[in-house]
Protein backbone atom coordinates (compact mmCIF):
# COMPACT_ATOMS: atom_id res chain seq x y z
CA MET A 1 216.00 50.79 189.69
CA PRO A 2 212.49 51.39 191.20
CA GLU A 3 210.18 53.98 189.60
CA THR A 4 209.95 57.18 191.60
CA GLY A 5 206.93 59.44 191.49
CA PRO A 6 206.87 63.25 191.43
CA SER A 7 207.45 65.30 194.54
CA PRO A 8 204.38 65.96 196.76
CA GLU A 9 201.66 67.97 195.02
CA ARG A 10 203.97 68.76 192.15
CA TYR A 11 201.15 68.66 189.61
CA SER A 12 197.54 69.81 189.54
CA LEU A 13 194.98 67.26 188.26
CA ALA A 14 191.29 67.91 187.55
CA VAL A 15 188.96 64.91 187.64
CA ILE A 16 185.87 65.28 185.41
CA THR A 17 183.23 62.73 186.37
CA ASP A 18 179.57 62.53 187.36
CA ASP A 19 180.42 59.98 190.05
CA ALA A 20 181.21 62.30 192.95
CA ASP A 21 181.09 59.38 195.39
CA SER A 22 184.18 57.80 193.84
CA PHE A 23 186.25 61.01 193.99
CA PRO A 24 187.43 60.68 197.64
CA GLU A 25 188.99 57.31 196.88
CA MET A 26 190.60 58.68 193.70
CA ARG A 27 192.08 61.58 195.67
CA LYS A 28 193.34 59.17 198.33
CA HIS A 29 195.19 57.05 195.74
CA LEU A 30 196.61 60.06 193.85
CA SER A 31 197.70 62.00 196.92
CA PRO A 32 200.25 63.31 197.71
CA ALA A 33 201.72 63.18 194.19
CA PHE A 34 198.85 65.13 192.63
CA ARG A 35 196.72 68.03 193.83
CA THR A 36 193.25 66.90 192.71
CA SER A 37 190.02 68.82 192.14
CA LEU A 38 186.57 67.67 191.02
CA ALA A 39 184.31 68.90 188.20
CA THR A 40 180.88 67.31 187.83
CA ASN A 41 178.92 69.76 185.65
CA GLU A 42 179.41 72.10 182.68
CA ALA A 43 180.09 75.20 184.78
CA GLU A 44 182.74 73.40 186.84
CA ILE A 45 184.34 71.94 183.68
CA LEU A 46 184.58 75.41 182.12
CA ALA A 47 186.09 76.73 185.35
CA VAL A 48 188.72 73.97 185.24
CA LEU A 49 189.62 74.83 181.65
CA GLU A 50 190.18 78.46 182.62
CA GLN A 51 192.74 77.55 185.30
CA PRO A 52 196.20 78.44 183.93
CA ASP A 53 198.05 76.20 186.40
CA ILE A 54 196.19 72.96 185.61
CA HIS A 55 198.59 70.23 184.42
CA ALA A 56 196.30 67.32 183.59
CA ILE A 57 192.70 66.15 183.32
CA LEU A 58 191.29 62.73 184.17
CA PHE A 59 188.07 62.52 182.14
CA ASN A 60 185.31 59.96 182.62
CA LEU A 61 183.92 59.36 179.12
CA ASP A 62 180.77 57.83 180.65
CA ALA A 63 179.95 61.02 182.53
CA ILE A 64 178.53 62.92 179.54
CA GLY A 65 175.19 62.16 177.91
CA ASP A 66 174.30 58.56 177.14
CA GLY A 67 177.76 57.03 177.07
CA PRO A 68 181.29 57.17 175.65
CA ALA A 69 180.21 58.58 172.25
CA ASP A 70 179.02 61.83 173.81
CA GLY A 71 182.04 61.88 176.07
CA LEU A 72 184.35 61.64 173.06
CA GLU A 73 182.74 64.75 171.53
CA VAL A 74 183.30 66.71 174.75
CA LEU A 75 186.86 65.38 174.93
CA GLU A 76 187.53 66.78 171.45
CA GLU A 77 186.17 70.19 172.50
CA ILE A 78 188.32 70.18 175.63
CA ARG A 79 191.42 69.45 173.54
CA LYS A 80 190.62 72.38 171.22
CA ILE A 81 190.39 74.71 174.21
CA ARG A 82 193.51 73.44 176.01
CA ASP A 83 196.30 71.91 173.97
CA ASP A 84 198.81 72.44 176.77
CA VAL A 85 197.35 70.02 179.33
CA VAL A 86 197.69 66.23 179.44
CA ILE A 87 194.28 64.59 179.00
CA THR A 88 193.74 61.06 180.26
CA ALA A 89 190.41 59.34 179.64
CA PHE A 90 188.75 56.31 181.16
CA THR A 91 185.54 54.33 180.63
CA ARG A 92 183.75 51.27 181.93
CA SER A 93 182.81 50.30 178.35
CA ASN A 94 184.72 47.45 176.69
CA GLN A 95 184.06 48.58 173.10
CA ARG A 96 187.25 47.91 171.14
CA THR A 97 187.12 51.11 169.11
CA ILE A 98 186.99 53.51 172.07
CA PRO A 99 190.79 53.68 172.78
CA LEU A 100 191.50 54.66 169.15
CA LYS A 101 188.63 57.16 169.06
CA ALA A 102 189.79 58.67 172.36
CA SER A 103 193.29 59.11 170.96
CA GLN A 104 191.92 60.73 167.80
CA ALA A 105 189.79 63.06 169.92
CA GLY A 106 192.86 64.26 171.80
CA ALA A 107 193.48 61.93 174.74
CA ASP A 108 197.14 61.38 175.62
CA GLU A 109 196.47 58.19 177.58
CA PHE A 110 193.49 55.84 177.94
CA PHE A 111 192.48 53.54 180.82
CA LEU A 112 189.71 51.07 181.59
CA PHE A 113 187.93 51.38 184.92
CA PRO A 114 188.82 50.35 187.59
CA ILE A 115 192.10 52.21 187.25
CA ASN A 116 195.39 50.82 188.52
CA TYR A 117 196.44 54.02 190.32
CA ASP A 118 200.05 53.02 190.87
CA GLU A 119 200.49 52.57 187.12
CA TYR A 120 198.42 55.68 186.41
CA LYS A 121 200.60 57.93 188.58
CA ILE A 122 203.78 56.83 186.79
CA VAL A 123 202.24 57.19 183.32
CA LEU A 124 200.70 60.57 184.12
CA ALA A 125 203.88 62.02 185.62
CA ARG A 126 205.86 61.02 182.54
CA ALA A 127 203.21 62.44 180.22
CA ILE A 128 203.15 65.77 182.07
CA GLU A 129 206.94 66.04 181.97
CA LYS A 130 206.95 65.20 178.28
CA ARG A 131 204.30 67.87 177.59
CA ALA A 132 206.30 70.41 179.58
CA LEU A 133 209.36 69.67 177.43
CA GLU A 134 207.28 70.01 174.26
CA ILE A 135 205.92 73.38 175.39
CA GLU A 136 209.42 74.57 176.32
CA GLY A 137 210.65 73.35 172.92
CA ARG A 138 207.91 75.31 171.16
CA ARG A 139 208.79 78.37 173.24
CA LEU A 140 212.47 78.11 172.29
CA VAL A 141 211.61 77.61 168.62
CA GLN A 142 209.32 80.64 168.75
CA GLN A 143 212.03 82.63 170.48
CA ALA A 144 214.55 81.60 167.82
CA GLU A 145 212.09 82.49 165.06
CA ASN A 146 211.43 85.88 166.64
CA LYS A 147 215.15 86.59 166.33
CA THR A 148 215.11 85.66 162.64
CA ALA A 149 211.71 87.13 161.78
CA PHE A 150 210.82 90.69 160.89
CA TYR A 151 207.14 91.58 160.50
CA GLY A 152 206.33 88.26 158.85
CA LEU A 153 209.59 87.98 156.91
CA ILE A 154 211.84 85.02 157.75
CA GLY A 155 215.60 85.21 157.34
CA ALA A 156 218.80 85.98 159.23
CA SER A 157 221.22 86.26 156.30
CA PRO A 158 223.19 89.49 155.77
CA ALA A 159 221.25 90.05 152.53
CA MET A 160 217.93 90.01 154.41
CA GLN A 161 219.32 92.15 157.24
CA LYS A 162 219.92 94.87 154.63
CA VAL A 163 216.28 94.57 153.54
CA TYR A 164 215.11 94.91 157.16
CA GLN A 165 217.25 98.02 157.61
CA ALA A 166 215.81 99.54 154.43
CA ILE A 167 212.25 98.80 155.59
CA GLU A 168 212.85 100.49 158.95
CA ALA A 169 214.45 103.50 157.27
CA VAL A 170 211.58 104.09 154.84
CA ALA A 171 208.55 102.85 156.79
CA ARG A 172 207.65 106.03 158.68
CA THR A 173 208.25 108.33 155.73
CA GLY A 174 205.66 109.01 153.05
CA ALA A 175 208.10 108.22 150.24
CA SER A 176 207.04 106.03 147.33
CA VAL A 177 208.83 102.68 147.35
CA VAL A 178 209.55 100.33 144.47
CA LEU A 179 210.40 96.74 145.38
CA ARG A 180 212.68 95.04 142.89
CA GLY A 181 213.52 91.37 142.67
CA GLU A 182 212.85 88.11 140.89
CA SER A 183 209.47 86.44 140.85
CA GLY A 184 208.73 84.57 144.08
CA VAL A 185 211.10 86.46 146.40
CA GLY A 186 208.21 87.79 148.51
CA LYS A 187 207.72 91.37 147.33
CA GLU A 188 204.17 91.59 148.68
CA LEU A 189 205.37 90.36 152.09
CA VAL A 190 207.97 93.13 152.10
CA ALA A 191 205.27 95.66 151.17
CA LYS A 192 203.16 94.45 154.11
CA ALA A 193 206.19 94.65 156.42
CA ILE A 194 206.68 98.29 155.40
CA VAL A 195 203.04 98.99 156.26
CA GLU A 196 203.19 97.13 159.60
CA CYS A 197 206.30 99.08 160.53
CA SER A 198 204.68 102.43 159.67
CA ASP A 199 201.97 104.68 161.12
CA ARG A 200 199.60 103.29 158.45
CA ALA A 201 199.53 99.89 160.17
CA GLY A 202 195.96 98.74 160.65
CA LYS A 203 194.75 100.96 157.80
CA PRO A 204 193.52 99.61 154.43
CA PHE A 205 196.09 97.67 152.40
CA VAL A 206 194.94 97.22 148.80
CA ALA A 207 197.02 95.00 146.50
CA LEU A 208 196.65 94.57 142.75
CA ASN A 209 198.72 92.62 140.23
CA CYS A 210 198.79 94.87 137.17
CA SER A 211 199.14 91.88 134.84
CA ALA A 212 196.15 90.03 136.30
CA LEU A 213 193.40 92.00 134.57
CA PRO A 214 192.81 93.01 130.93
CA ASP A 215 193.31 96.70 130.08
CA SER A 216 189.55 97.24 129.75
CA LEU A 217 188.98 96.26 133.39
CA MET A 218 192.15 97.64 134.94
CA GLU A 219 191.06 101.29 134.67
CA SER A 220 187.69 100.74 136.35
CA GLU A 221 189.29 98.57 139.07
CA LEU A 222 191.92 101.17 139.90
CA PHE A 223 189.91 104.38 139.60
CA GLY A 224 186.28 103.27 140.01
CA TYR A 225 183.26 104.43 138.00
CA GLU A 226 179.94 106.24 138.29
CA LYS A 227 176.57 104.77 137.45
CA GLY A 228 176.04 104.72 133.69
CA ALA A 229 179.72 105.32 132.90
CA PHE A 230 179.60 102.36 130.49
CA THR A 231 177.32 99.52 129.54
CA GLY A 232 176.73 97.37 132.60
CA ALA A 233 177.62 100.10 135.13
CA ASP A 234 174.30 99.82 136.94
CA ALA A 235 175.66 101.37 140.15
CA ALA A 236 178.61 103.52 141.18
CA LYS A 237 181.68 101.70 142.43
CA PRO A 238 184.79 103.09 144.15
CA GLY A 239 188.16 102.05 142.74
CA LEU A 240 190.96 100.36 144.65
CA ILE A 241 192.84 103.62 145.16
CA GLU A 242 189.73 105.19 146.68
CA LEU A 243 189.22 102.16 148.93
CA ALA A 244 192.79 102.58 150.19
CA HIS A 245 192.06 106.03 151.68
CA SER A 246 194.34 106.58 154.72
CA GLY A 247 196.17 103.33 153.87
CA THR A 248 198.43 101.82 151.22
CA VAL A 249 198.12 100.79 147.57
CA PHE A 250 200.47 98.02 146.41
CA LEU A 251 200.78 97.61 142.64
CA ASP A 252 202.74 94.50 141.63
CA GLU A 253 204.27 94.09 138.15
CA ILE A 254 203.89 97.83 137.61
CA THR A 255 205.69 97.70 134.25
CA THR A 256 202.74 95.81 132.71
CA LEU A 257 200.40 98.77 133.32
CA PRO A 258 199.21 100.10 129.90
CA PRO A 259 200.63 103.51 128.81
CA SER A 260 197.21 105.21 129.04
CA LEU A 261 196.84 104.12 132.66
CA GLN A 262 200.43 105.06 133.43
CA SER A 263 199.61 108.69 132.60
CA LYS A 264 196.41 108.58 134.67
CA LEU A 265 198.26 107.04 137.64
CA LEU A 266 200.90 109.78 137.34
CA ARG A 267 198.18 112.43 137.57
CA VAL A 268 196.70 110.71 140.65
CA LEU A 269 200.14 110.68 142.32
CA GLN A 270 200.70 114.37 141.50
CA GLU A 271 197.32 115.53 142.77
CA HIS A 272 196.51 112.76 145.28
CA ALA A 273 193.01 112.83 143.89
CA VAL A 274 190.98 110.27 141.91
CA GLN A 275 188.30 110.91 139.34
CA ARG A 276 186.02 107.96 138.66
CA LEU A 277 185.14 106.92 135.11
CA GLY A 278 182.11 108.99 134.13
CA GLY A 279 182.66 111.33 137.07
CA ARG A 280 182.87 115.12 136.85
CA SER A 281 184.96 115.86 139.90
CA ALA A 282 188.03 114.42 141.59
CA LYS A 283 188.08 113.15 145.16
CA LYS A 284 191.09 113.76 147.40
CA ILE A 285 192.64 110.47 148.60
CA ASP A 286 195.31 110.05 151.26
CA PHE A 287 197.32 106.97 150.35
CA ARG A 288 200.85 105.70 150.08
CA LEU A 289 201.99 103.90 146.93
CA ILE A 290 204.29 100.87 146.96
CA THR A 291 205.08 99.25 143.63
CA ALA A 292 207.00 96.15 142.62
CA THR A 293 208.55 94.66 139.51
CA ASN A 294 210.70 91.73 138.46
CA GLU A 295 211.83 93.54 135.30
CA ASP A 296 214.68 95.97 134.62
CA LEU A 297 212.77 99.21 135.19
CA GLU A 298 215.42 101.41 133.55
CA ASP A 299 215.45 99.19 130.46
CA CYS A 300 211.66 99.51 130.21
CA VAL A 301 212.06 103.30 130.27
CA ARG A 302 214.74 103.19 127.57
CA LYS A 303 212.52 101.04 125.36
CA GLY A 304 209.55 103.36 125.81
CA ARG A 305 207.45 100.76 127.65
CA PHE A 306 207.35 102.80 130.83
CA ARG A 307 206.95 106.56 131.26
CA GLU A 308 210.07 108.28 132.48
CA ASP A 309 208.14 110.82 134.59
CA LEU A 310 206.21 108.00 136.31
CA TYR A 311 209.51 106.17 136.86
CA PHE A 312 210.88 109.13 138.80
CA ARG A 313 207.65 109.34 140.81
CA ILE A 314 207.67 105.72 141.99
CA ASN A 315 211.42 105.13 142.21
CA VAL A 316 212.02 107.44 145.18
CA VAL A 317 213.25 104.59 147.40
CA PRO A 318 214.14 101.35 145.58
CA ILE A 319 214.57 98.22 147.72
CA LEU A 320 216.25 95.20 146.14
CA ILE A 321 214.99 91.89 147.52
CA PRO A 322 217.66 89.19 147.09
CA PRO A 323 216.90 85.84 145.41
CA LEU A 324 216.87 82.81 147.68
CA ARG A 325 220.16 81.49 146.27
CA GLU A 326 221.92 84.58 147.70
CA ARG A 327 220.43 84.22 151.18
CA GLY A 328 222.99 81.96 152.84
CA GLY A 329 221.56 80.03 155.77
CA ASP A 330 217.95 81.14 155.25
CA ILE A 331 216.80 77.97 153.48
CA ALA A 332 216.88 75.91 156.70
CA LEU A 333 214.94 78.64 158.56
CA LEU A 334 212.32 78.93 155.82
CA ALA A 335 211.95 75.15 155.45
CA ASP A 336 211.38 74.80 159.21
CA HIS A 337 208.91 77.71 159.14
CA PHE A 338 206.87 76.18 156.30
CA LEU A 339 206.99 72.71 157.88
CA ARG A 340 205.40 74.05 161.05
CA ILE A 341 202.77 76.04 159.14
CA TYR A 342 201.64 73.21 156.87
CA CYS A 343 201.90 70.43 159.47
CA ALA A 344 199.70 72.52 161.76
CA SER A 345 197.15 73.28 159.02
CA ALA A 346 197.05 69.60 158.00
CA ARG A 347 196.85 68.56 161.68
CA LYS A 348 199.88 66.33 161.28
CA PRO A 349 202.80 65.80 163.70
CA LEU A 350 205.70 68.11 162.98
CA LYS A 351 208.07 66.62 160.39
CA THR A 352 211.83 67.04 160.31
CA LEU A 353 214.26 67.03 157.39
CA ALA A 354 217.12 64.54 157.25
CA PRO A 355 220.56 66.26 157.06
CA ASP A 356 221.17 65.11 153.47
CA VAL A 357 217.77 66.53 152.45
CA LEU A 358 218.79 69.91 153.81
CA GLU A 359 222.05 69.64 151.85
CA VAL A 360 220.07 69.08 148.65
CA LEU A 361 217.80 72.04 149.40
CA GLU A 362 220.78 74.30 150.05
CA ALA A 363 222.58 73.16 146.87
CA TYR A 364 219.57 73.88 144.64
CA LYS A 365 219.43 77.29 142.89
CA TRP A 366 215.67 77.89 143.47
CA PRO A 367 214.68 79.70 140.25
CA GLY A 368 211.20 80.09 141.76
CA ASN A 369 212.71 81.47 144.98
CA VAL A 370 210.80 81.34 148.30
CA ARG A 371 207.51 80.49 146.57
CA GLU A 372 209.09 77.38 145.03
CA LEU A 373 210.56 76.28 148.37
CA GLU A 374 207.18 76.76 150.04
CA ASN A 375 205.51 74.60 147.38
CA VAL A 376 208.08 71.82 147.87
CA ILE A 377 207.58 71.80 151.64
CA GLN A 378 203.80 71.84 151.30
CA ARG A 379 203.98 68.87 148.92
CA VAL A 380 206.19 66.96 151.39
CA VAL A 381 203.74 67.58 154.24
CA VAL A 382 200.80 66.38 152.17
CA MET A 383 202.43 63.34 150.57
CA VAL A 384 204.85 62.01 153.22
CA ASN A 385 203.46 59.95 156.10
CA SER A 386 206.64 59.46 158.13
CA SER A 387 207.88 62.08 160.59
CA LEU A 388 211.35 62.12 158.98
CA VAL A 389 211.64 63.46 155.43
CA THR A 390 214.38 61.63 153.52
CA LEU A 391 215.88 61.94 150.03
CA GLU A 392 213.39 59.45 148.59
CA HIS A 393 210.63 61.96 149.38
CA MET A 394 212.29 64.78 147.46
CA PRO A 395 211.10 65.89 143.98
CA GLN A 396 213.21 64.35 141.25
CA HIS A 397 214.35 67.66 139.74
CA LEU A 398 215.98 68.65 143.05
CA LEU A 399 217.89 65.37 143.27
CA GLN A 400 218.92 65.58 139.63
CA HIS A 401 220.24 69.09 140.16
CA SER A 402 222.22 67.88 143.18
CA ALA A 403 223.85 65.14 141.09
CA THR A 404 224.56 67.63 138.30
CA SER A 405 226.22 69.99 140.80
CA GLN A 406 228.49 67.21 142.03
CA GLU A 407 229.46 66.40 138.44
CA ALA A 408 230.23 70.08 137.83
CA MET A 409 232.55 70.05 140.84
CA LEU A 410 234.23 66.88 139.56
CA ILE A 411 234.57 68.12 135.98
CA PRO A 412 234.66 71.94 135.71
CA ASP A 413 233.63 73.76 132.52
CA ALA A 414 237.28 74.05 131.46
CA GLY A 415 237.64 70.25 131.58
CA VAL A 416 240.41 68.15 133.15
CA ASP A 417 243.67 66.50 132.08
CA PHE A 418 242.49 62.91 132.55
CA ASP A 419 245.92 61.24 132.39
CA ALA A 420 247.41 63.73 134.86
CA GLU A 421 244.48 63.21 137.25
CA MET A 422 244.87 59.42 137.10
CA GLU A 423 248.60 59.69 137.77
CA ARG A 424 247.94 61.96 140.75
CA ILE A 425 245.46 59.42 142.16
CA GLU A 426 247.88 56.51 141.64
CA VAL A 427 250.69 58.36 143.45
CA ALA A 428 248.38 59.27 146.33
CA TYR A 429 247.30 55.63 146.81
CA LEU A 430 250.88 54.30 146.53
CA ASN A 431 252.20 56.74 149.16
CA ALA A 432 249.25 56.08 151.49
CA ALA A 433 249.68 52.29 151.25
CA LEU A 434 253.45 52.47 151.82
CA ARG A 435 253.00 54.74 154.85
CA ARG A 436 250.41 52.34 156.28
CA THR A 437 252.77 49.34 155.85
CA GLY A 438 255.96 51.06 156.98
CA GLY A 439 257.43 51.07 153.43
CA LYS A 440 256.95 47.32 152.81
CA LYS A 441 256.01 47.03 149.15
CA SER A 442 254.66 43.49 149.36
CA ALA A 443 252.31 44.45 152.20
CA ALA A 444 251.34 47.66 150.37
CA ALA A 445 250.53 45.61 147.24
CA ALA A 446 248.26 43.37 149.30
CA LEU A 447 246.55 46.43 150.78
CA LEU A 448 245.92 47.82 147.27
CA GLN A 449 244.86 44.35 146.06
CA ILE A 450 247.45 44.25 143.24
CA ASP A 451 250.28 41.75 142.60
CA GLY A 452 253.89 42.40 143.57
CA GLN A 453 255.12 42.89 139.98
CA ARG A 454 252.55 45.61 139.30
CA MET A 455 253.45 47.30 142.58
CA LYS A 456 257.13 47.44 141.58
CA TYR A 457 256.19 48.76 138.12
CA LEU A 458 254.02 51.57 139.53
CA CYS A 459 256.72 52.56 142.03
CA ARG A 460 259.29 52.79 139.25
CA LYS A 461 256.84 54.65 136.99
CA HIS A 462 256.08 57.31 139.57
CA ARG A 463 259.49 57.23 141.28
CA VAL A 464 257.95 56.29 144.59
CA GLU A 465 260.38 54.76 147.10
């Protein structure tokens, strides 16, 4: 079947070259399939790149500077500005390395001059159609992600829908929120979602892990200090709460805060004022407090590790963030999300997961939750060269867990009656073979690869006719 070109002037093509005399012939060969325009200097090139309806660029690498090397640099800059257009490059140079370098710089296709325009039109039309499909694919993926994303949180499971509802309910109130959940579930992301959904969006967001600093530094970091408050305090410094004025303070692992600082934090929450170390007066601060913990907060209160009055102050609205193992269907969404993030940051083609890989990921319990899944995907992107991620690329502990899960299904904790199971299997095979052979025992024996005497014995043993 003969190749057919695109309909008349279906695509817009910009020709970048310093050889204006050759452009009329180019336009003659490319018309009417392509609507062509010419750019011969920097201003005209920039104007071309600003055109939203441009489909492709034909770039003469010899037109810039002293030769193809300079042209390749400009090609790379063009690709950074416009990743949606098809870029074709050509040169009169016969250097063997130029095609590879052009591809690395961002060219979709490469040609030597003089160009075979009949071939070029077919190749270019296909490339433009392919790019259009890629862009549409990205748009659909983005659209799908928008339906499963909520202020940076990814997930469509019922468990996460409850979290989204809680965030919307509490966001525009001034109530203190405590986020509860295992390590790695994304408590700080939920805190940021609350802020983005509230009227404090765009205001300071100050986060501190209460277990990250020693007690001696935690007080000065939170509340600030005046000059001379202690040895080494050569200048006054505002604390994190002060820096969060009009915004939000997020304190992670709140139960690790020392008792002395718990009482001081309680006073700050009661008065909404902060007094720096060495200071004589308190400063009024407008802030919202969001805290988080992976511990049993009530148990910490019972054991005297956490002040009961502070507990009631921070636990106005508790939000439980589910572990990944309870978020049915979200693993595939998160894996795809992280694949696109890390492939883009590593400038690698987007990778896909083989179906059995996804089965292994969904069978795993993820003790490290979303953070652990993210680490696995990042490792795959860095270490795997192929576009398809298969089981051989998976960390060994995930595969081992998958095998262990299958064994647990085969042999439950209560154990099995081995003899009864073997009898059940024998009966099932005998009946299946006899049905297949229309009840002929000799043919059934051949199908089961046993001799006739053993077939008769098994039929008598299990009373199979």
